[in-house]
């Protein structure tokens, strides 16, 4: 028996389950896979990768995320524009040693980044 784990689901806490799950479903093009009371699970992020899940919680987000998603795209500017159209807020842009990325928040303030590649 192996004592190592695999990442099966990345779960995001949220207050408005429909709004946040809908935002990420549209942004990443992931279909809803399963629904339970207080939970929505989207399809796998990539083949063989984890699912993206959302858990409804009563308390609002108050501090910076300790874990966040870094999204890669061949055209980061187009993905940033799409994210903002879906309800994201653009916070700031970074350029460190030629590596560029943008920090945004989803509709409930959960930070994520968009950069080149993927």
Protein backbone atom coordinates (compact mmCIF):
# COMPACT_ATOMS: atom_id res chain seq x y z
CA UNK A 1 0.00 0.00 0.00
CA UNK A 2 1.29 3.45 -0.93
CA UNK A 3 1.55 6.23 1.66
CA UNK A 4 1.39 9.02 -0.93
CA UNK A 5 -1.74 10.93 -1.90
CA UNK A 6 -3.10 12.43 -5.06
CA UNK A 7 -4.97 15.72 -5.45
CA UNK A 8 -8.50 14.64 -6.33
CA UNK A 9 -10.38 17.91 -5.79
CA UNK A 10 -9.32 21.50 -5.28
CA UNK A 11 -12.11 23.04 -3.20
CA UNK A 12 -12.96 26.74 -2.97
CA UNK A 13 -15.07 28.05 -0.08
CA UNK A 14 -17.75 30.53 -1.10
CA UNK A 15 -20.94 32.21 0.09
CA UNK A 16 -22.81 32.35 -3.23
CA UNK A 17 -22.36 28.83 -4.56
CA UNK A 18 -24.13 29.43 -7.88
CA UNK A 19 -22.29 32.67 -8.67
CA UNK A 20 -18.79 31.42 -7.87
CA UNK A 21 -19.19 27.94 -9.40
CA UNK A 22 -20.76 29.53 -12.49
CA UNK A 23 -17.87 32.00 -12.82
CA UNK A 24 -15.22 29.27 -12.73
CA UNK A 25 -17.22 26.94 -14.97
CA UNK A 26 -17.49 29.66 -17.63
CA UNK A 27 -13.89 30.88 -17.28
CA UNK A 28 -12.34 27.41 -17.50
CA UNK A 29 -14.92 25.79 -19.77
CA UNK A 30 -15.58 23.04 -17.22
CA UNK A 31 -18.95 21.31 -17.01
CA UNK A 32 -20.69 20.63 -13.74
CA UNK A 33 -19.92 17.03 -12.79
CA UNK A 34 -21.83 16.58 -9.54
CA UNK A 35 -23.94 18.52 -7.07
CA UNK A 36 -24.68 17.86 -3.41
CA UNK A 37 -26.39 20.16 -0.90
CA UNK A 38 -23.90 23.00 -0.37
CA UNK A 39 -21.40 21.66 -2.95
CA UNK A 40 -20.79 21.88 -6.70
CA UNK A 41 -18.06 19.86 -8.39
CA UNK A 42 -16.84 20.70 -11.88
CA UNK A 43 -15.11 18.35 -14.28
CA UNK A 44 -11.37 17.71 -14.10
CA UNK A 45 -9.15 20.75 -14.59
CA UNK A 46 -7.09 18.75 -17.11
CA UNK A 47 -7.01 15.09 -18.19
CA UNK A 48 -6.04 13.05 -15.14
CA UNK A 49 -5.98 16.19 -12.99
CA UNK A 50 -8.14 17.13 -10.03
CA UNK A 51 -11.73 18.30 -10.12
CA UNK A 52 -12.56 21.85 -9.09
CA UNK A 53 -15.09 21.97 -6.25
CA UNK A 54 -17.02 24.67 -4.42
CA UNK A 55 -18.28 24.48 -0.86
CA UNK A 56 -20.84 26.93 0.49
CA UNK A 57 -19.75 28.41 3.82
CA UNK A 58 -21.45 31.01 6.06
CA UNK A 59 -18.47 33.27 6.73
CA UNK A 60 -17.10 35.75 4.14
CA UNK A 61 -13.53 35.73 2.90
CA UNK A 62 -11.48 38.12 5.02
CA UNK A 63 -7.77 37.58 4.25
CA UNK A 64 -5.52 36.71 1.33
CA UNK A 65 -5.80 33.15 0.04
CA UNK A 66 -3.13 30.75 1.28
CA UNK A 67 -3.59 28.69 -1.92
CA UNK A 68 -4.62 30.04 -5.31
CA UNK A 69 -4.90 28.94 -8.93
CA UNK A 70 -2.34 30.07 -11.52
CA UNK A 71 -3.95 29.95 -14.96
CA UNK A 72 -1.85 29.80 -18.12
CA UNK A 73 -3.06 30.89 -21.54
CA UNK A 74 -1.55 31.36 -25.00
CA UNK A 75 -3.21 34.83 -24.97
CA UNK A 76 -3.23 35.99 -21.33
CA UNK A 77 -4.73 39.39 -22.22
CA UNK A 78 -7.77 37.72 -23.81
CA UNK A 79 -8.28 35.47 -20.77
CA UNK A 80 -7.94 38.45 -18.42
CA UNK A 81 -10.56 40.33 -20.44
CA UNK A 82 -12.88 37.30 -20.35
CA UNK A 83 -12.40 36.90 -16.58
CA UNK A 84 -13.29 40.56 -15.99
CA UNK A 85 -16.36 40.23 -18.25
CA UNK A 86 -17.47 37.26 -16.08
CA UNK A 87 -17.11 39.26 -12.85
CA UNK A 88 -13.42 39.12 -11.89
CA UNK A 89 -11.58 42.17 -10.58
CA UNK A 90 -8.10 42.95 -11.86
CA UNK A 91 -5.79 43.82 -8.94
CA UNK A 92 -2.26 44.25 -10.27
CA UNK A 93 0.26 43.23 -12.92
CA UNK A 94 3.73 41.84 -12.28
CA UNK A 95 6.86 41.53 -14.40
CA UNK A 96 9.73 39.83 -12.62
CA UNK A 97 12.77 38.68 -14.59
CA UNK A 98 10.71 38.53 -17.78
CA UNK A 99 7.94 36.46 -16.19
CA UNK A 100 4.65 38.34 -16.42
CA UNK A 101 1.37 37.64 -14.66
CA UNK A 102 -1.76 39.40 -13.48
CA UNK A 103 -3.48 38.96 -10.12
CA UNK A 104 -7.28 39.00 -10.17
CA UNK A 105 -10.09 38.06 -7.81
CA UNK A 106 -13.19 36.01 -8.56
CA UNK A 107 -16.63 37.48 -7.72
CA UNK A 108 -16.13 36.74 -3.98
CA UNK A 109 -12.58 38.03 -3.72
CA UNK A 110 -10.61 34.77 -4.07
CA UNK A 111 -7.28 35.62 -5.69
CA UNK A 112 -5.98 33.88 -8.80
CA UNK A 113 -3.33 34.65 -11.40
CA UNK A 114 -3.21 34.60 -15.20
CA UNK A 115 0.05 34.37 -17.08
CA UNK A 116 1.51 32.94 -20.27
CA UNK A 117 1.79 29.21 -20.82
CA UNK A 118 -0.11 26.52 -19.13
